[in-house]
Amino acid sequence: MLQGKTSGTLTADDLTEAGNTLCGMDSAAPDRMDADALEKIAPILQKCNLDPSTRQKIASNIVSKMSL
């Protein structure tokens, strides 16, 4: 269970628990996801057929974390 969250940043635990259901995320979802969490679930996301704008947001989120 996603620990009852209705808003805020999704953590690595939240995303890991969601598993393959992440393949259905829309382009707004990466804005709510923690960069560390996205990096951790990257192997799952690579298997998804996400639209290009969603993939770009995920990549930008991870890269922004690395530049800090």
N, C-alpha and C. Protein backbone atom coordinates (compact mmCIF):
# COMPACT_ATOMS: atom_id res chain seq x y z
N MET A 1 0.84 -1.18 0.00
CA MET A 1 0.00 0.00 0.00
C MET A 1 0.87 1.23 0.00
N LEU A 2 0.45 2.28 -0.66
CA LEU A 2 1.25 3.48 -0.77
C LEU A 2 1.14 4.35 0.47
N GLN A 3 0.98 3.75 1.60
CA GLN A 3 0.99 4.38 2.91
C GLN A 3 0.01 5.53 3.02
N GLY A 4 -1.09 5.48 2.32
CA GLY A 4 -2.16 6.44 2.45
C GLY A 4 -1.83 7.84 1.97
N LYS A 5 -0.79 8.01 1.20
CA LYS A 5 -0.44 9.34 0.74
C LYS A 5 -1.42 9.82 -0.31
N THR A 6 -1.79 11.08 -0.20
CA THR A 6 -2.64 11.67 -1.23
C THR A 6 -1.93 12.81 -1.93
N SER A 7 -0.81 13.27 -1.37
CA SER A 7 -0.02 14.32 -2.00
C SER A 7 1.41 14.22 -1.51
N GLY A 8 2.28 15.01 -2.09
CA GLY A 8 3.67 15.02 -1.67
C GLY A 8 4.53 14.17 -2.58
N THR A 9 5.76 14.02 -2.20
CA THR A 9 6.74 13.28 -2.99
C THR A 9 6.60 11.79 -2.76
N LEU A 10 6.64 11.05 -3.84
CA LEU A 10 6.61 9.59 -3.75
C LEU A 10 8.02 9.09 -3.50
N THR A 11 8.19 8.25 -2.50
CA THR A 11 9.50 7.74 -2.13
C THR A 11 9.83 6.46 -2.90
N ALA A 12 11.06 5.99 -2.73
CA ALA A 12 11.49 4.74 -3.36
C ALA A 12 10.61 3.59 -2.90
N ASP A 13 10.26 3.56 -1.63
CA ASP A 13 9.38 2.49 -1.13
C ASP A 13 8.02 2.52 -1.80
N ASP A 14 7.47 3.72 -1.97
CA ASP A 14 6.17 3.87 -2.64
C ASP A 14 6.24 3.33 -4.07
N LEU A 15 7.30 3.72 -4.79
CA LEU A 15 7.42 3.35 -6.19
C LEU A 15 7.73 1.87 -6.36
N THR A 16 8.56 1.32 -5.48
CA THR A 16 8.87 -0.10 -5.54
C THR A 16 7.61 -0.92 -5.31
N GLU A 17 6.80 -0.48 -4.36
CA GLU A 17 5.56 -1.19 -4.07
C GLU A 17 4.59 -1.11 -5.25
N ALA A 18 4.61 -0.01 -5.97
CA ALA A 18 3.72 0.15 -7.13
C ALA A 18 4.13 -0.78 -8.27
N GLY A 19 5.42 -1.08 -8.36
CA GLY A 19 5.92 -2.03 -9.36
C GLY A 19 5.55 -1.68 -10.78
N ASN A 20 5.08 -2.69 -11.53
CA ASN A 20 4.79 -2.51 -12.95
C ASN A 20 3.61 -1.59 -13.23
N THR A 21 2.84 -1.24 -12.21
CA THR A 21 1.74 -0.31 -12.44
C THR A 21 2.26 1.07 -12.82
N LEU A 22 3.55 1.31 -12.56
CA LEU A 22 4.16 2.59 -12.93
C LEU A 22 4.17 2.79 -14.44
N CYS A 23 4.06 1.72 -15.19
CA CYS A 23 4.07 1.84 -16.65
C CYS A 23 2.86 2.62 -17.16
N GLY A 24 1.86 2.80 -16.34
CA GLY A 24 0.67 3.55 -16.74
C GLY A 24 0.69 4.99 -16.29
N MET A 25 1.81 5.48 -15.78
CA MET A 25 1.85 6.85 -15.27
C MET A 25 1.70 7.87 -16.41
N ASP A 26 1.16 9.02 -16.04
CA ASP A 26 1.03 10.10 -17.01
C ASP A 26 2.22 11.03 -16.89
N SER A 27 2.29 12.02 -17.76
CA SER A 27 3.47 12.89 -17.80
C SER A 27 3.59 13.79 -16.57
N ALA A 28 2.56 13.92 -15.77
CA ALA A 28 2.64 14.74 -14.56
C ALA A 28 3.24 13.97 -13.38
N ALA A 29 3.21 12.65 -13.44
CA ALA A 29 3.66 11.82 -12.32
C ALA A 29 5.13 12.04 -11.93
N PRO A 30 6.07 12.14 -12.88
CA PRO A 30 7.47 12.31 -12.46
C PRO A 30 7.72 13.55 -11.63
N ASP A 31 6.87 14.56 -11.76
CA ASP A 31 7.04 15.77 -10.96
C ASP A 31 6.83 15.51 -9.48
N ARG A 32 6.11 14.46 -9.14
CA ARG A 32 5.82 14.13 -7.74
C ARG A 32 6.78 13.07 -7.19
N MET A 33 7.75 12.65 -8.00
CA MET A 33 8.62 11.55 -7.60
C MET A 33 10.00 12.05 -7.23
N ASP A 34 10.51 11.50 -6.18
CA ASP A 34 11.85 11.79 -5.69
C ASP A 34 12.88 11.27 -6.69
N ALA A 35 13.92 12.04 -6.98
CA ALA A 35 14.95 11.64 -7.95
C ALA A 35 15.64 10.34 -7.54
N ASP A 36 15.92 10.17 -6.26
CA ASP A 36 16.54 8.92 -5.79
C ASP A 36 15.62 7.73 -6.04
N ALA A 37 14.34 7.96 -5.84
CA ALA A 37 13.37 6.90 -6.07
C ALA A 37 13.30 6.53 -7.55
N LEU A 38 13.29 7.53 -8.41
CA LEU A 38 13.25 7.27 -9.85
C LEU A 38 14.49 6.50 -10.30
N GLU A 39 15.63 6.87 -9.75
CA GLU A 39 16.87 6.18 -10.11
C GLU A 39 16.80 4.71 -9.67
N LYS A 40 16.23 4.47 -8.51
CA LYS A 40 16.13 3.11 -7.99
C LYS A 40 15.21 2.24 -8.85
N ILE A 41 14.13 2.82 -9.38
CA ILE A 41 13.18 2.03 -10.15
C ILE A 41 13.41 2.12 -11.66
N ALA A 42 14.53 2.73 -12.05
CA ALA A 42 14.84 2.88 -13.48
C ALA A 42 14.75 1.56 -14.25
N PRO A 43 15.23 0.43 -13.69
CA PRO A 43 15.11 -0.84 -14.43
C PRO A 43 13.66 -1.21 -14.76
N ILE A 44 12.73 -0.90 -13.87
CA ILE A 44 11.31 -1.16 -14.14
C ILE A 44 10.83 -0.23 -15.25
N LEU A 45 11.18 1.05 -15.13
CA LEU A 45 10.70 2.04 -16.09
C LEU A 45 11.26 1.81 -17.49
N GLN A 46 12.45 1.26 -17.59
CA GLN A 46 13.03 1.00 -18.90
C GLN A 46 12.20 -0.02 -19.69
N LYS A 47 11.47 -0.87 -18.99
CA LYS A 47 10.65 -1.89 -19.65
C LYS A 47 9.28 -1.35 -20.05
N CYS A 48 8.96 -0.14 -19.59
CA CYS A 48 7.65 0.46 -19.87
C CYS A 48 7.63 1.14 -21.23
N ASN A 49 6.45 1.21 -21.79
CA ASN A 49 6.24 1.93 -23.05
C ASN A 49 5.70 3.31 -22.72
N LEU A 50 6.54 4.13 -22.09
CA LEU A 50 6.13 5.48 -21.67
C LEU A 50 6.25 6.44 -22.85
N ASP A 51 5.40 7.46 -22.84
CA ASP A 51 5.48 8.45 -23.92
C ASP A 51 6.77 9.27 -23.76
N PRO A 52 7.26 9.86 -24.84
CA PRO A 52 8.53 10.59 -24.80
C PRO A 52 8.59 11.71 -23.77
N SER A 53 7.50 12.42 -23.57
CA SER A 53 7.54 13.53 -22.59
C SER A 53 7.69 13.01 -21.17
N THR A 54 7.08 11.87 -20.86
CA THR A 54 7.23 11.28 -19.54
C THR A 54 8.65 10.79 -19.34
N ARG A 55 9.22 10.13 -20.35
CA ARG A 55 10.61 9.67 -20.27
C ARG A 55 11.56 10.85 -20.06
N GLN A 56 11.31 11.96 -20.75
CA GLN A 56 12.17 13.13 -20.63
C GLN A 56 12.08 13.72 -19.22
N LYS A 57 10.90 13.78 -18.65
CA LYS A 57 10.76 14.30 -17.30
C LYS A 57 11.50 13.43 -16.30
N ILE A 58 11.42 12.12 -16.47
CA ILE A 58 12.13 11.20 -15.58
C ILE A 58 13.63 11.42 -15.69
N ALA A 59 14.13 11.49 -16.91
CA ALA A 59 15.57 11.70 -17.13
C ALA A 59 16.01 13.04 -16.55
N SER A 60 15.24 14.08 -16.75
CA SER A 60 15.60 15.40 -16.23
C SER A 60 15.63 15.40 -14.71
N ASN A 61 14.70 14.71 -14.08
CA ASN A 61 14.64 14.62 -12.63
C ASN A 61 15.90 13.94 -12.09
N ILE A 62 16.30 12.85 -12.72
CA ILE A 62 17.49 12.12 -12.27
C ILE A 62 18.75 12.94 -12.51
N VAL A 63 18.86 13.57 -13.67
CA VAL A 63 20.05 14.37 -13.99
C VAL A 63 20.16 15.58 -13.06
N SER A 64 19.05 16.20 -12.73
CA SER A 64 19.10 17.35 -11.83
C SER A 64 19.64 16.97 -10.46
N LYS A 65 19.35 15.77 -10.02
CA LYS A 65 19.87 15.29 -8.73
C LYS A 65 21.38 15.13 -8.81
N MET A 66 21.88 14.65 -9.95
CA MET A 66 23.31 14.42 -10.08
C MET A 66 24.09 15.73 -10.15
N SER A 67 23.48 16.80 -10.58
CA SER A 67 24.19 18.07 -10.73
C SER A 67 24.22 18.90 -9.45
N LEU A 68 23.60 18.40 -8.40
CA LEU A 68 23.58 19.16 -7.14
C LEU A 68 24.91 19.07 -6.42
